Amino acid sequence: MKYLLYAIIGLVAFALFYLGIVNREQPKSTSNQLAKQSANTAHSNWQTQTNDQPPVTVRVTPVELGKDTKTWKFQVVFDTHSGNLDDDLLTVVDLIDDKSNTYRPLAWEGQETGGHHREGVLVFEAVNPIPSYVELKIKDAGGVPERSFTWNL
């Protein structure tokens, strides 16, 4: 009987200790999430746009866009069930502003060519002055002559 009492006290102490650690860690992750959300508020307003003309689906989301950034970044996701995604994105993508100025990407930060799924970030030099809108054009993805994605600034 004496050992049963020690076992129960030990289990209760362990449970309190465990709950204390879990509760202490949750605020840290919540504060990290809030920090990430506040850091990403610049792009939280930008809608993901999808072009699903067969055989390739393309999704584009602005990640950094606006006057407070030195580069503008767009997350791009390609999916297909046939063929390979072999395009050199630095040569088939243009960013166009409201005055028809064309900008080429500076870099592709993502998966290399090939396969049925490709994802990464296209980086452009920031456009100054800020245009009223920008249009991202992707040429010949999956044999589609041009796919267009537009955001009002």
Protein backbone atom coordinates (compact mmCIF):
# COMPACT_ATOMS: atom_id res chain seq x y z
CA MET A 1 0.00 0.00 0.00
CA LYS A 2 2.87 2.32 0.85
CA TYR A 3 4.37 1.85 -2.66
CA LEU A 4 1.02 2.54 -4.32
CA LEU A 5 0.88 5.94 -2.60
CA TYR A 6 4.43 6.73 -3.81
CA ALA A 7 3.52 5.62 -7.34
CA ILE A 8 0.44 7.88 -7.43
CA ILE A 9 2.41 10.85 -6.07
CA GLY A 10 5.12 10.17 -8.66
CA LEU A 11 2.59 10.01 -11.52
CA VAL A 12 0.92 13.24 -10.41
CA ALA A 13 4.32 14.97 -10.14
CA PHE A 14 5.30 13.70 -13.60
CA ALA A 15 1.98 14.86 -15.09
CA LEU A 16 2.38 18.34 -13.57
CA PHE A 17 5.99 18.52 -14.76
CA TYR A 18 5.00 17.41 -18.29
CA LEU A 19 2.10 19.87 -18.50
CA GLY A 20 4.36 22.65 -17.25
CA ILE A 21 6.85 21.99 -20.05
CA VAL A 22 4.19 21.70 -22.76
CA ASN A 23 2.46 24.89 -21.65
CA ARG A 24 5.78 26.71 -21.48
CA GLU A 25 6.69 25.68 -25.06
CA GLN A 26 3.35 26.63 -26.62
CA PRO A 27 3.71 30.38 -26.05
CA LYS A 28 7.15 30.26 -27.70
CA SER A 29 5.76 28.65 -30.84
CA THR A 30 2.79 31.03 -30.82
CA SER A 31 5.09 34.04 -30.52
CA ASN A 32 7.26 32.61 -33.33
CA GLN A 33 4.16 32.23 -35.47
CA LEU A 34 3.12 35.82 -34.70
CA ALA A 35 6.60 37.05 -35.59
CA LYS A 36 6.50 35.18 -38.88
CA GLN A 37 3.02 36.51 -39.62
CA SER A 38 4.05 40.09 -38.93
CA ALA A 39 7.18 39.66 -41.04
CA ASN A 40 5.07 38.30 -43.86
CA THR A 41 2.25 40.83 -43.74
CA ALA A 42 3.66 42.48 -46.83
CA HIS A 43 2.69 39.48 -48.92
CA SER A 44 -0.30 38.21 -46.94
CA ASN A 45 -2.49 40.57 -48.97
CA TRP A 46 -1.40 39.08 -52.28
CA GLN A 47 -3.62 36.37 -53.73
CA THR A 48 -2.27 33.17 -55.21
CA GLN A 49 -3.31 32.96 -58.84
CA THR A 50 -3.66 29.67 -60.71
CA ASN A 51 -3.58 28.87 -64.41
CA ASP A 52 -4.58 25.25 -64.96
CA GLN A 53 -4.46 24.94 -68.73
CA PRO A 54 -3.44 21.34 -69.48
CA PRO A 55 -1.03 19.70 -69.26
CA VAL A 56 0.62 22.00 -66.65
CA THR A 57 -0.92 23.77 -63.67
CA VAL A 58 0.93 26.94 -62.62
CA ARG A 59 0.38 28.74 -59.29
CA VAL A 60 2.02 32.12 -58.56
CA THR A 61 2.04 34.00 -55.26
CA PRO A 62 3.87 37.28 -54.63
CA VAL A 63 6.16 36.84 -51.62
CA GLU A 64 7.79 40.28 -51.53
CA LEU A 65 6.24 43.09 -53.49
CA GLY A 66 6.06 46.82 -52.84
CA LYS A 67 8.07 49.90 -52.05
CA ASP A 68 9.88 48.66 -48.93
CA THR A 69 11.82 45.85 -50.62
CA LYS A 70 14.93 45.85 -52.80
CA THR A 71 13.80 42.81 -54.75
CA TRP A 72 10.39 41.51 -55.68
CA LYS A 73 9.82 37.81 -55.25
CA PHE A 74 7.17 35.47 -56.59
CA GLN A 75 6.67 31.87 -55.47
CA VAL A 76 5.96 29.71 -58.52
CA VAL A 77 4.70 26.11 -58.46
CA PHE A 78 4.43 23.93 -61.56
CA ASP A 79 2.58 20.58 -61.59
CA THR A 80 2.08 18.16 -64.46
CA HIS A 81 1.23 14.51 -64.96
CA SER A 82 2.85 14.24 -68.36
CA GLY A 83 6.18 15.44 -69.68
CA ASN A 84 8.98 17.12 -67.80
CA LEU A 85 9.28 20.70 -66.57
CA ASP A 86 12.46 21.65 -68.41
CA ASP A 87 12.02 25.39 -69.06
CA ASP A 88 14.75 27.85 -68.07
CA LEU A 89 12.61 30.26 -66.05
CA LEU A 90 15.11 33.09 -66.42
CA THR A 91 14.38 33.15 -70.16
CA VAL A 92 10.63 32.41 -70.31
CA VAL A 93 9.33 34.77 -67.60
CA ASP A 94 8.76 38.54 -67.83
CA LEU A 95 7.42 41.04 -65.32
CA ILE A 96 5.54 43.92 -66.99
CA ASP A 97 4.46 47.14 -65.30
CA ASP A 98 1.59 49.54 -66.08
CA LYS A 99 3.78 51.46 -68.56
CA SER A 100 4.63 48.27 -70.53
CA ASN A 101 8.21 48.19 -69.21
CA THR A 102 9.52 44.63 -69.18
CA TYR A 103 11.77 43.23 -66.44
CA ARG A 104 13.67 39.94 -66.56
CA PRO A 105 14.17 37.82 -63.44
CA LEU A 106 17.48 38.14 -61.63
CA ALA A 107 17.38 34.62 -60.19
CA TRP A 108 15.43 31.40 -59.74
CA GLU A 109 15.72 30.07 -56.18
CA GLY A 110 14.25 26.62 -56.43
CA GLN A 111 14.24 23.20 -57.98
CA GLU A 112 16.23 22.60 -61.12
CA THR A 113 14.65 21.49 -64.40
CA GLY A 114 12.97 18.14 -64.87
CA GLY A 115 10.30 16.05 -63.19
CA HIS A 116 6.56 16.52 -62.78
CA HIS A 117 6.66 19.03 -59.92
CA ARG A 118 8.80 22.14 -59.69
CA GLU A 119 8.71 24.87 -57.09
CA GLY A 120 10.75 27.94 -56.23
CA VAL A 121 10.96 31.71 -56.07
CA LEU A 122 11.56 34.09 -58.98
CA VAL A 123 13.51 37.19 -57.94
CA PHE A 124 13.23 40.54 -59.75
CA GLU A 125 14.77 43.92 -59.09
CA ALA A 126 12.16 46.14 -57.39
CA VAL A 127 10.30 48.41 -59.79
CA ASN A 128 10.56 52.13 -59.00
CA PRO A 129 8.40 54.11 -59.04
CA ILE A 130 5.74 51.64 -57.89
CA PRO A 131 3.38 50.91 -60.80
CA SER A 132 -0.39 50.65 -60.38
CA TYR A 133 -0.18 46.97 -61.37
CA VAL A 134 2.29 44.29 -62.44
CA GLU A 135 1.79 41.35 -64.74
CA LEU A 136 3.90 38.19 -64.63
CA LYS A 137 3.98 36.36 -67.96
CA ILE A 138 5.24 32.81 -68.42
CA LYS A 139 5.82 31.68 -72.00
CA ASP A 140 5.41 28.15 -73.36
CA ALA A 141 4.84 26.28 -70.05
CA GLY A 142 3.34 22.97 -71.15
CA GLY A 143 2.97 24.20 -74.71
CA VAL A 144 0.65 27.08 -73.72
CA PRO A 145 1.94 30.16 -75.58
CA GLU A 146 1.49 32.53 -72.62
CA ARG A 147 0.14 32.43 -69.08
CA SER A 148 -0.59 35.76 -67.40
CA PHE A 149 -0.88 36.68 -63.71
CA THR A 150 -1.76 40.26 -62.67
CA TRP A 151 -1.77 42.05 -59.28
CA ASN A 152 -2.94 45.60 -58.55
CA LEU A 153 -0.55 47.52 -56.34
